[in-house]
Amino acid sequence: MDVVPVPQLSDNYAYLLIDPASREAAVVDCAEADAVLAEAKRRGVALRAVLATHHHFDHVGGNRDLLASIPDLRVYGSAADAPKIPGITDRVQDGDAVELSGLHGRVIFIPAHTSGHVAYHFPDEEAVFTGDTLFAGGCGRLFEGDAAQMMRSLGKLAALPDRTRVFCGHEYTEKNLQFALTLEPGNVPLAKKMAAVQALRRAGKPTVPSTIAEEKATNPFLRTASPELAATVRARVPGLQANDPVALFAAVRALKDRF
């Protein structure tokens, strides 16, 4: 599977998933159809499906325009989000298979950013598309869930093989890592990742994909067991209950919201 990031809006990514054998493709999270259609044409592939991770407009706002150009597109999305996903044809739930032109994926239900958020995992391709739940160096805001729910959702993703490539919904990596360094300034892998990310941004290149291994080493929302992170957060949040990982996670999220 070839994965092509397609910039959308100011800092979003859609992703073309291309099967090299059939030259057929799917797109994950289309906000602007024109850019996706142009990239598919440039690469000589036939777009067959849309995979929506959640219902926010900057992830599904291009669906109707895609369907106007390709009326027989399949549109996959969470059954829980279905009324809010334009053009949905296939309502999916946790564990469902997604078969696309020789590509074999499965759905992972990861609510909290929205109550119906899903990821699409392609084990054979060592790739997962996480929308706005797991970012490189961060996680989504808790719009429709709470800290405990987000921790469970992130735990599902962190349990994937370390080599799994993480394709997230936004180019937030540099700012996410700036925040992470305020909590773990002694984290050597984090400092190295920041240097690499800054070099990519200077070159005008995307910072995606990350990997599950990189996220476990650098993402503060996967590092509540870090003594340095816990000590920093407790110093900044007086009265934070000791030995409560959910309270610690919630405190990290609140700090990030104000960063």
Protein backbone atom coordinates (compact mmCIF):
# COMPACT_ATOMS: atom_id res chain seq x y z
CA MET A 1 0.00 0.00 0.00
CA ASP A 2 1.26 3.43 -0.94
CA VAL A 3 0.16 6.19 1.43
CA VAL A 4 0.09 9.74 0.08
CA PRO A 5 -0.60 12.64 2.47
CA VAL A 6 -2.82 15.28 0.84
CA PRO A 7 -2.76 18.65 2.67
CA GLN A 8 -6.21 20.01 3.46
CA LEU A 9 -7.38 23.37 4.85
CA SER A 10 -4.69 25.01 7.02
CA ASP A 11 -3.16 22.02 8.81
CA ASN A 12 -5.21 18.88 8.04
CA TYR A 13 -4.15 15.78 6.18
CA ALA A 14 -6.25 13.50 4.03
CA TYR A 15 -4.51 10.28 2.98
CA LEU A 16 -4.74 8.43 -0.31
CA LEU A 17 -4.32 4.68 0.22
CA ILE A 18 -3.24 3.20 -3.08
CA ASP A 19 -3.13 -0.48 -4.00
CA PRO A 20 -0.20 -0.64 -6.47
CA ALA A 21 -1.52 -3.78 -8.15
CA SER A 22 -5.03 -2.60 -9.01
CA ARG A 23 -4.28 1.16 -9.09
CA GLU A 24 -7.40 1.65 -6.98
CA ALA A 25 -7.46 3.91 -3.95
CA ALA A 26 -9.34 5.00 -0.87
CA VAL A 27 -9.09 8.33 0.93
CA VAL A 28 -9.04 8.83 4.69
CA ASP A 29 -10.74 12.01 6.01
CA CYS A 30 -11.45 14.28 3.06
CA ALA A 31 -12.10 17.93 3.93
CA GLU A 32 -11.49 19.34 0.44
CA ALA A 33 -12.39 17.17 -2.51
CA ASP A 34 -10.56 19.08 -5.25
CA ALA A 35 -7.10 18.42 -3.81
CA VAL A 36 -7.88 14.72 -3.32
CA LEU A 37 -9.32 14.29 -6.80
CA ALA A 38 -6.36 16.12 -8.35
CA GLU A 39 -3.85 13.92 -6.52
CA ALA A 40 -5.72 10.75 -7.53
CA LYS A 41 -5.70 11.91 -11.15
CA ARG A 42 -2.02 12.85 -11.01
CA ARG A 43 -1.15 9.38 -9.77
CA GLY A 44 -3.45 7.62 -12.22
CA VAL A 45 -5.58 5.84 -9.63
CA ALA A 46 -9.31 5.22 -9.38
CA LEU A 47 -10.86 6.39 -6.12
CA ARG A 48 -13.23 3.74 -4.74
CA ALA A 49 -13.87 4.55 -1.07
CA VAL A 50 -13.79 7.11 1.70
CA LEU A 51 -12.78 6.19 5.25
CA ALA A 52 -14.02 8.73 7.81
CA THR A 53 -12.50 8.61 11.28
CA HIS A 54 -15.05 10.98 12.84
CA HIS A 55 -17.76 13.48 12.02
CA HIS A 56 -15.98 16.84 12.33
CA PHE A 57 -16.29 19.01 9.23
CA ASP A 58 -12.52 19.22 8.70
CA HIS A 59 -12.54 15.44 8.21
CA VAL A 60 -15.76 14.85 6.23
CA GLY A 61 -16.49 18.24 4.64
CA GLY A 62 -15.38 17.06 1.21
CA ASN A 63 -17.53 13.93 1.08
CA ARG A 64 -20.44 15.40 -0.86
CA ASP A 65 -18.16 16.94 -3.48
CA LEU A 66 -16.36 13.61 -3.87
CA LEU A 67 -19.70 11.89 -4.38
CA ALA A 68 -20.74 14.49 -6.94
CA SER A 69 -17.68 13.48 -8.98
CA ILE A 70 -17.76 9.74 -8.21
CA PRO A 71 -21.35 8.77 -7.29
CA ASP A 72 -20.60 5.10 -6.58
CA LEU A 73 -18.01 5.75 -3.87
CA ARG A 74 -18.32 3.71 -0.70
CA VAL A 75 -18.24 5.91 2.40
CA TYR A 76 -17.21 4.16 5.61
CA GLY A 77 -17.76 5.66 9.03
CA SER A 78 -18.61 4.84 12.61
CA ALA A 79 -22.14 3.60 13.19
CA ALA A 80 -22.25 5.89 16.22
CA ASP A 81 -21.41 8.92 14.07
CA ALA A 82 -23.46 7.88 11.03
CA PRO A 83 -26.07 10.68 11.05
CA LYS A 84 -23.26 13.25 10.97
CA ILE A 85 -21.14 11.70 8.18
CA PRO A 86 -22.22 12.91 4.73
CA GLY A 87 -22.91 10.16 2.22
CA ILE A 88 -22.21 7.25 4.56
CA THR A 89 -22.90 3.86 2.99
CA ASP A 90 -21.07 1.48 5.35
CA ARG A 91 -21.57 1.83 9.11
CA VAL A 92 -18.69 0.21 10.96
CA GLN A 93 -18.04 -0.83 14.54
CA ASP A 94 -15.09 -2.01 16.59
CA GLY A 95 -13.40 -5.02 15.01
CA ASP A 96 -15.18 -4.79 11.65
CA ALA A 97 -13.16 -5.70 8.57
CA VAL A 98 -12.62 -3.15 5.80
CA GLU A 99 -11.61 -4.69 2.48
CA LEU A 100 -10.42 -2.27 -0.19
CA SER A 101 -8.93 -3.40 -3.49
CA GLY A 102 -6.72 -6.04 -1.94
CA LEU A 103 -6.06 -4.01 1.23
CA HIS A 104 -7.21 -5.62 4.46
CA GLY A 105 -8.01 -3.35 7.36
CA ARG A 106 -9.95 -3.44 10.59
CA VAL A 107 -11.78 -0.84 12.62
CA ILE A 108 -10.66 0.18 16.12
CA PHE A 109 -13.24 2.08 18.17
CA ILE A 110 -11.44 4.93 19.96
CA PRO A 111 -13.99 7.38 21.39
CA ALA A 112 -13.37 10.53 23.48
CA HIS A 113 -12.52 13.25 20.93
CA THR A 114 -15.93 12.32 19.53
CA SER A 115 -18.20 9.63 20.88
CA GLY A 116 -18.01 7.63 17.64
CA HIS A 117 -14.37 8.10 16.64
CA VAL A 118 -12.68 5.15 14.92
CA ALA A 119 -9.23 4.33 13.58
CA TYR A 120 -8.44 2.17 10.56
CA HIS A 121 -5.63 -0.34 11.08
CA PHE A 122 -3.98 -2.20 8.21
CA PRO A 123 -1.87 -4.87 9.93
CA ASP A 124 -0.19 -6.23 6.80
CA GLU A 125 0.84 -2.70 5.86
CA GLU A 126 1.91 -1.78 9.41
CA ALA A 127 -0.20 1.38 9.29
CA VAL A 128 -2.95 2.94 11.38
CA PHE A 129 -4.99 6.05 10.60
CA THR A 130 -5.88 7.71 13.89
CA GLY A 131 -7.74 10.88 12.95
CA ASP A 132 -7.82 13.25 15.91
CA THR A 133 -7.35 10.70 18.72
CA LEU A 134 -3.61 10.02 18.57
CA PHE A 135 -1.45 12.76 17.10
CA ALA A 136 2.31 12.69 16.71
CA GLY A 137 3.26 13.95 20.16
CA GLY A 138 -0.30 14.56 21.34
CA CYS A 139 -3.94 13.58 21.47
CA GLY A 140 -7.26 15.18 20.60
CA ARG A 141 -9.29 17.41 22.86
CA LEU A 142 -12.00 15.75 24.92
CA PHE A 143 -15.01 17.14 23.11
CA GLU A 144 -17.40 14.20 23.61
CA GLY A 145 -15.65 12.03 26.19
CA ASP A 146 -13.53 12.17 29.32
CA ALA A 147 -9.96 11.47 30.35
CA ALA A 148 -10.59 7.86 31.33
CA GLN A 149 -12.21 7.13 27.97
CA MET A 150 -9.35 8.77 26.07
CA MET A 151 -6.81 6.77 28.07
CA ARG A 152 -8.58 3.55 27.11
CA SER A 153 -8.70 4.58 23.46
CA LEU A 154 -5.03 5.53 23.40
CA GLY A 155 -4.24 2.26 25.15
CA LYS A 156 -5.78 0.33 22.26
CA LEU A 157 -3.51 2.16 19.83
CA ALA A 158 -0.42 1.85 22.01
CA ALA A 159 -0.98 -1.93 22.05
CA LEU A 160 -0.37 -2.13 18.29
CA PRO A 161 3.06 -3.39 17.17
CA ASP A 162 5.85 -0.85 17.70
CA ARG A 163 6.64 -0.70 13.98
CA THR A 164 3.09 0.43 13.12
CA ARG A 165 3.16 3.74 11.26
CA VAL A 166 0.83 6.37 12.72
CA PHE A 167 -0.94 8.65 10.24
CA CYS A 168 -2.83 11.34 12.14
CA GLY A 169 -5.24 14.05 11.07
CA HIS A 170 -3.23 17.26 11.59
CA GLU A 171 0.22 18.80 11.30
CA TYR A 172 0.48 19.61 15.00
CA THR A 173 3.71 17.77 15.75
CA GLU A 174 6.13 20.62 16.43
CA LYS A 175 3.83 22.41 18.87
CA ASN A 176 2.91 19.11 20.53
CA LEU A 177 6.58 18.34 21.13
CA GLN A 178 7.23 21.85 22.42
CA PHE A 179 4.62 21.15 25.09
CA ALA A 180 5.98 17.66 25.77
CA LEU A 181 9.43 19.11 26.44
CA THR A 182 8.02 21.37 29.15
CA LEU A 183 6.95 18.22 31.00
CA GLU A 184 9.93 15.98 30.27
CA PRO A 185 12.97 18.16 29.50
CA GLY A 186 15.23 15.22 30.36
CA ASN A 187 13.65 12.87 27.80
CA VAL A 188 16.47 12.25 25.30
CA PRO A 189 14.34 10.50 22.61
CA LEU A 190 11.91 13.43 22.81
CA ALA A 191 14.68 15.98 22.25
CA LYS A 192 15.97 13.99 19.27
CA LYS A 193 12.46 13.73 17.83
CA MET A 194 11.99 17.48 18.15
CA ALA A 195 15.23 18.12 16.26
CA ALA A 196 14.12 15.78 13.47
CA VAL A 197 10.66 17.38 13.30
CA GLN A 198 12.09 20.89 13.12
CA ALA A 199 14.35 19.83 10.26
CA LEU A 200 11.35 18.41 8.39
CA ARG A 201 9.35 21.59 8.89
CA ARG A 202 12.23 23.78 7.70
CA ALA A 203 12.31 21.65 4.55
CA GLY A 204 8.55 22.05 4.10
CA LYS A 205 7.92 18.33 4.62
CA PRO A 206 5.21 16.55 6.62
CA THR A 207 6.12 15.18 10.05
CA VAL A 208 3.88 12.15 9.49
CA PRO A 209 4.00 9.27 9.83
CA SER A 210 5.26 8.62 13.31
CA THR A 211 5.37 5.11 14.77
CA ILE A 212 3.83 3.52 17.83
CA ALA A 213 7.32 3.06 19.28
CA GLU A 214 8.12 6.75 18.81
CA GLU A 215 4.84 7.77 20.41
CA LYS A 216 5.40 5.60 23.46
CA ALA A 217 8.83 7.22 23.86
CA THR A 218 7.81 10.84 23.29
CA ASN A 219 4.06 11.46 23.57
CA PRO A 220 3.10 12.81 27.02
CA PHE A 221 -0.38 11.29 26.78
CA LEU A 222 1.21 7.84 26.58
CA ARG A 223 3.76 8.61 29.31
CA THR A 224 1.79 9.11 32.52
CA ALA A 225 4.03 6.43 34.08
CA SER A 226 7.09 8.66 33.61
CA PRO A 227 8.38 9.87 37.01
CA GLU A 228 9.73 13.08 35.47
CA LEU A 229 6.42 13.90 33.77
CA ALA A 230 4.42 13.10 36.91
CA ALA A 231 6.66 15.26 39.09
CA THR A 232 6.46 18.19 36.70
CA VAL A 233 2.67 18.03 36.46
CA ARG A 234 2.21 17.71 40.22
CA ALA A 235 4.41 20.77 40.73
CA ARG A 236 2.18 22.73 38.35
CA VAL A 237 -1.16 21.39 39.60
CA PRO A 238 -1.29 21.70 43.40
CA GLY A 239 -3.53 19.17 45.09
CA LEU A 240 -3.36 16.65 42.25
CA GLN A 241 -4.18 13.27 43.73
CA ALA A 242 -1.12 11.06 43.97
CA ASN A 243 -1.08 7.67 42.25
CA ASP A 244 -4.17 8.41 40.14
CA PRO A 245 -3.20 7.98 36.47
CA VAL A 246 -6.55 9.26 35.18
CA ALA A 247 -6.26 12.46 37.23
CA LEU A 248 -2.68 12.88 35.98
CA PHE A 249 -3.79 12.38 32.38
CA ALA A 250 -6.61 14.89 32.83
CA ALA A 251 -4.14 17.39 34.26
CA VAL A 252 -1.82 16.93 31.27
CA ARG A 253 -4.76 17.48 28.91
CA ALA A 254 -5.79 20.63 30.78
CA LEU A 255 -2.24 21.98 30.64
CA LYS A 256 -2.07 21.30 26.91
CA ASP A 257 -5.42 23.04 26.38
CA ARG A 258 -3.87 26.23 27.81
CA PHE A 259 -0.46 25.85 26.12
